[in-house]
């Protein structure tokens, strides 16, 4: 799993002087955690649109969630 560390309010870790607030200046996120799923749902929503209209994104998301398709 790839993890991305993001600094808040500073450009470099060396700028963080106070040890007590050091952890408050970081945020971590999992890279590509949901980006692929969102893109897949958006792409496949076109097939749902004639049947469900503006709810095509919701139905596409549900179909992709329960699908075993990779």
N, C-alpha and C. Protein backbone atom coordinates (compact mmCIF):
# COMPACT_ATOMS: atom_id res chain seq x y z
N UNK A 1 0.85 -1.16 0.00
CA UNK A 1 0.00 0.00 0.00
C UNK A 1 0.90 1.23 0.00
N UNK A 2 0.57 2.19 -0.86
CA UNK A 2 1.32 3.43 -0.93
C UNK A 2 0.62 4.48 -0.08
N UNK A 3 1.42 5.21 0.69
CA UNK A 3 0.89 6.25 1.56
C UNK A 3 1.56 7.57 1.20
N UNK A 4 0.76 8.61 1.18
CA UNK A 4 1.24 9.94 0.85
C UNK A 4 1.22 10.79 2.11
N UNK A 5 2.35 11.44 2.44
CA UNK A 5 2.41 12.32 3.61
C UNK A 5 2.34 13.76 3.11
N UNK A 6 1.41 14.53 3.67
CA UNK A 6 1.21 15.92 3.26
C UNK A 6 1.53 16.82 4.43
N UNK A 7 2.33 17.84 4.16
CA UNK A 7 2.65 18.83 5.18
C UNK A 7 1.63 19.97 5.14
N UNK A 8 1.24 20.44 6.31
CA UNK A 8 0.29 21.54 6.41
C UNK A 8 0.98 22.79 6.93
N UNK A 9 0.79 23.90 6.27
CA UNK A 9 1.27 25.21 6.70
C UNK A 9 2.79 25.38 6.64
N UNK A 10 3.52 24.41 6.16
CA UNK A 10 4.98 24.53 6.01
C UNK A 10 5.40 23.89 4.69
N UNK A 11 6.56 24.29 4.20
CA UNK A 11 7.08 23.73 2.95
C UNK A 11 7.96 22.50 3.20
N UNK A 12 8.71 22.49 4.32
CA UNK A 12 9.63 21.40 4.62
C UNK A 12 9.50 21.01 6.09
N UNK A 13 9.79 19.76 6.39
CA UNK A 13 9.70 19.27 7.77
C UNK A 13 10.66 20.00 8.69
N UNK A 14 11.76 20.50 8.16
CA UNK A 14 12.75 21.21 8.98
C UNK A 14 12.19 22.50 9.56
N UNK A 15 11.12 23.03 8.99
CA UNK A 15 10.53 24.28 9.47
C UNK A 15 9.67 24.07 10.72
N UNK A 16 9.37 22.83 11.06
CA UNK A 16 8.56 22.54 12.24
C UNK A 16 9.49 22.50 13.44
N UNK A 17 9.37 23.51 14.31
CA UNK A 17 10.28 23.65 15.44
C UNK A 17 9.72 22.98 16.69
N UNK A 18 8.48 23.21 16.97
CA UNK A 18 7.85 22.72 18.19
C UNK A 18 7.52 21.23 18.08
N UNK A 19 8.09 20.42 18.95
CA UNK A 19 7.87 18.97 18.91
C UNK A 19 6.43 18.60 19.28
N UNK A 20 5.77 19.41 20.10
CA UNK A 20 4.41 19.10 20.53
C UNK A 20 3.40 19.24 19.39
N UNK A 21 3.63 20.17 18.47
CA UNK A 21 2.70 20.37 17.37
C UNK A 21 3.16 19.69 16.08
N UNK A 22 4.23 18.94 16.15
CA UNK A 22 4.79 18.30 14.96
C UNK A 22 3.78 17.39 14.25
N UNK A 23 3.12 16.53 15.00
CA UNK A 23 2.17 15.59 14.40
C UNK A 23 0.93 16.29 13.85
N UNK A 24 0.62 17.47 14.35
CA UNK A 24 -0.54 18.21 13.85
C UNK A 24 -0.27 18.83 12.49
N UNK A 25 0.98 18.86 12.05
CA UNK A 25 1.35 19.45 10.77
C UNK A 25 1.37 18.42 9.64
N UNK A 26 1.05 17.17 9.93
CA UNK A 26 1.07 16.11 8.92
C UNK A 26 -0.33 15.56 8.69
N UNK A 27 -0.58 15.14 7.47
CA UNK A 27 -1.77 14.36 7.13
C UNK A 27 -1.30 13.23 6.22
N UNK A 28 -1.87 12.07 6.40
CA UNK A 28 -1.51 10.92 5.59
C UNK A 28 -2.74 10.48 4.79
N UNK A 29 -2.50 10.03 3.58
CA UNK A 29 -3.60 9.51 2.77
C UNK A 29 -3.10 8.32 1.96
N UNK A 30 -4.00 7.41 1.68
CA UNK A 30 -3.68 6.25 0.87
C UNK A 30 -3.81 6.68 -0.60
N UNK A 31 -2.76 6.47 -1.35
CA UNK A 31 -2.75 6.86 -2.76
C UNK A 31 -3.63 5.91 -3.56
N UNK A 32 -4.46 6.47 -4.43
CA UNK A 32 -5.36 5.72 -5.30
C UNK A 32 -6.40 4.90 -4.54
N UNK A 33 -6.77 5.36 -3.39
CA UNK A 33 -7.74 4.61 -2.59
C UNK A 33 -9.10 4.51 -3.27
N UNK A 34 -9.55 5.58 -3.88
CA UNK A 34 -10.88 5.54 -4.49
C UNK A 34 -10.91 6.16 -5.87
N UNK A 35 -9.80 6.66 -6.34
CA UNK A 35 -9.79 7.35 -7.62
C UNK A 35 -10.20 6.42 -8.75
N UNK A 36 -9.71 5.21 -8.77
CA UNK A 36 -10.05 4.26 -9.82
C UNK A 36 -11.52 3.88 -9.80
N UNK A 37 -12.08 3.74 -8.61
CA UNK A 37 -13.50 3.38 -8.48
C UNK A 37 -14.39 4.50 -9.01
N UNK A 38 -14.06 5.73 -8.67
CA UNK A 38 -14.86 6.87 -9.13
C UNK A 38 -14.81 6.98 -10.65
N UNK A 39 -13.63 6.83 -11.21
CA UNK A 39 -13.50 6.90 -12.66
C UNK A 39 -14.28 5.78 -13.35
N UNK A 40 -14.23 4.60 -12.78
CA UNK A 40 -14.95 3.46 -13.37
C UNK A 40 -16.45 3.69 -13.31
N UNK A 41 -16.95 4.21 -12.19
CA UNK A 41 -18.38 4.48 -12.06
C UNK A 41 -18.83 5.55 -13.04
N UNK A 42 -18.03 6.58 -13.20
CA UNK A 42 -18.37 7.66 -14.13
C UNK A 42 -18.39 7.15 -15.56
N UNK A 43 -17.42 6.33 -15.91
CA UNK A 43 -17.34 5.80 -17.26
C UNK A 43 -18.54 4.90 -17.57
N UNK A 44 -18.90 4.05 -16.64
CA UNK A 44 -19.99 3.10 -16.89
C UNK A 44 -21.37 3.71 -16.69
N UNK A 45 -21.44 4.93 -16.16
CA UNK A 45 -22.74 5.57 -15.95
C UNK A 45 -23.44 5.86 -17.26
N UNK A 46 -22.70 6.02 -18.34
CA UNK A 46 -23.31 6.30 -19.65
C UNK A 46 -24.28 5.20 -20.06
N UNK A 47 -23.97 3.95 -19.72
CA UNK A 47 -24.86 2.84 -20.06
C UNK A 47 -26.13 2.86 -19.20
N UNK A 48 -26.09 3.45 -18.02
CA UNK A 48 -27.25 3.50 -17.12
C UNK A 48 -28.15 4.70 -17.42
N UNK A 49 -27.62 5.72 -18.06
CA UNK A 49 -28.35 6.98 -18.24
C UNK A 49 -29.68 6.83 -18.99
N UNK A 50 -29.78 6.03 -20.06
CA UNK A 50 -31.08 5.92 -20.74
C UNK A 50 -32.18 5.32 -19.85
N UNK A 51 -31.80 4.55 -18.85
CA UNK A 51 -32.79 3.87 -18.01
C UNK A 51 -33.07 4.59 -16.70
N UNK A 52 -32.06 5.26 -16.15
CA UNK A 52 -32.22 5.86 -14.82
C UNK A 52 -32.06 7.37 -14.80
N UNK A 53 -31.74 7.97 -15.93
CA UNK A 53 -31.61 9.42 -15.99
C UNK A 53 -30.47 9.94 -15.14
N UNK A 54 -30.77 10.98 -14.34
CA UNK A 54 -29.70 11.60 -13.55
C UNK A 54 -29.24 10.72 -12.38
N UNK A 55 -29.93 9.64 -12.10
CA UNK A 55 -29.50 8.70 -11.06
C UNK A 55 -28.50 7.68 -11.61
N UNK A 56 -28.05 7.88 -12.85
CA UNK A 56 -27.15 6.90 -13.48
C UNK A 56 -25.84 6.73 -12.71
N UNK A 57 -25.37 7.76 -12.05
CA UNK A 57 -24.12 7.65 -11.29
C UNK A 57 -24.31 6.80 -10.04
N UNK A 58 -25.46 6.93 -9.42
CA UNK A 58 -25.75 6.11 -8.24
C UNK A 58 -25.91 4.65 -8.63
N UNK A 59 -26.68 4.39 -9.69
CA UNK A 59 -26.88 3.00 -10.09
C UNK A 59 -25.59 2.38 -10.62
N UNK A 60 -24.78 3.17 -11.29
CA UNK A 60 -23.49 2.67 -11.75
C UNK A 60 -22.57 2.35 -10.57
N UNK A 61 -22.59 3.20 -9.56
CA UNK A 61 -21.77 2.94 -8.37
C UNK A 61 -22.21 1.66 -7.66
N UNK A 62 -23.53 1.48 -7.55
CA UNK A 62 -24.03 0.27 -6.90
C UNK A 62 -23.68 -0.98 -7.72
N UNK A 63 -23.84 -0.90 -9.03
CA UNK A 63 -23.52 -2.03 -9.89
C UNK A 63 -22.04 -2.36 -9.82
N UNK A 64 -21.20 -1.35 -9.80
CA UNK A 64 -19.76 -1.60 -9.72
C UNK A 64 -19.34 -2.11 -8.36
N UNK A 65 -20.03 -1.67 -7.32
CA UNK A 65 -19.70 -2.12 -5.98
C UNK A 65 -19.99 -3.61 -5.80
N UNK A 66 -21.13 -4.05 -6.34
CA UNK A 66 -21.52 -5.45 -6.18
C UNK A 66 -21.00 -6.36 -7.29
N UNK A 67 -20.33 -5.78 -8.26
CA UNK A 67 -19.80 -6.55 -9.38
C UNK A 67 -18.47 -7.20 -9.01
N UNK A 68 -18.21 -8.36 -9.59
CA UNK A 68 -16.90 -9.00 -9.40
C UNK A 68 -15.96 -8.62 -10.53
N UNK A 69 -16.42 -7.74 -11.42
CA UNK A 69 -15.61 -7.26 -12.54
C UNK A 69 -14.44 -6.43 -12.03
N UNK A 70 -13.26 -6.70 -12.51
CA UNK A 70 -12.07 -5.98 -12.05
C UNK A 70 -11.83 -4.76 -12.82
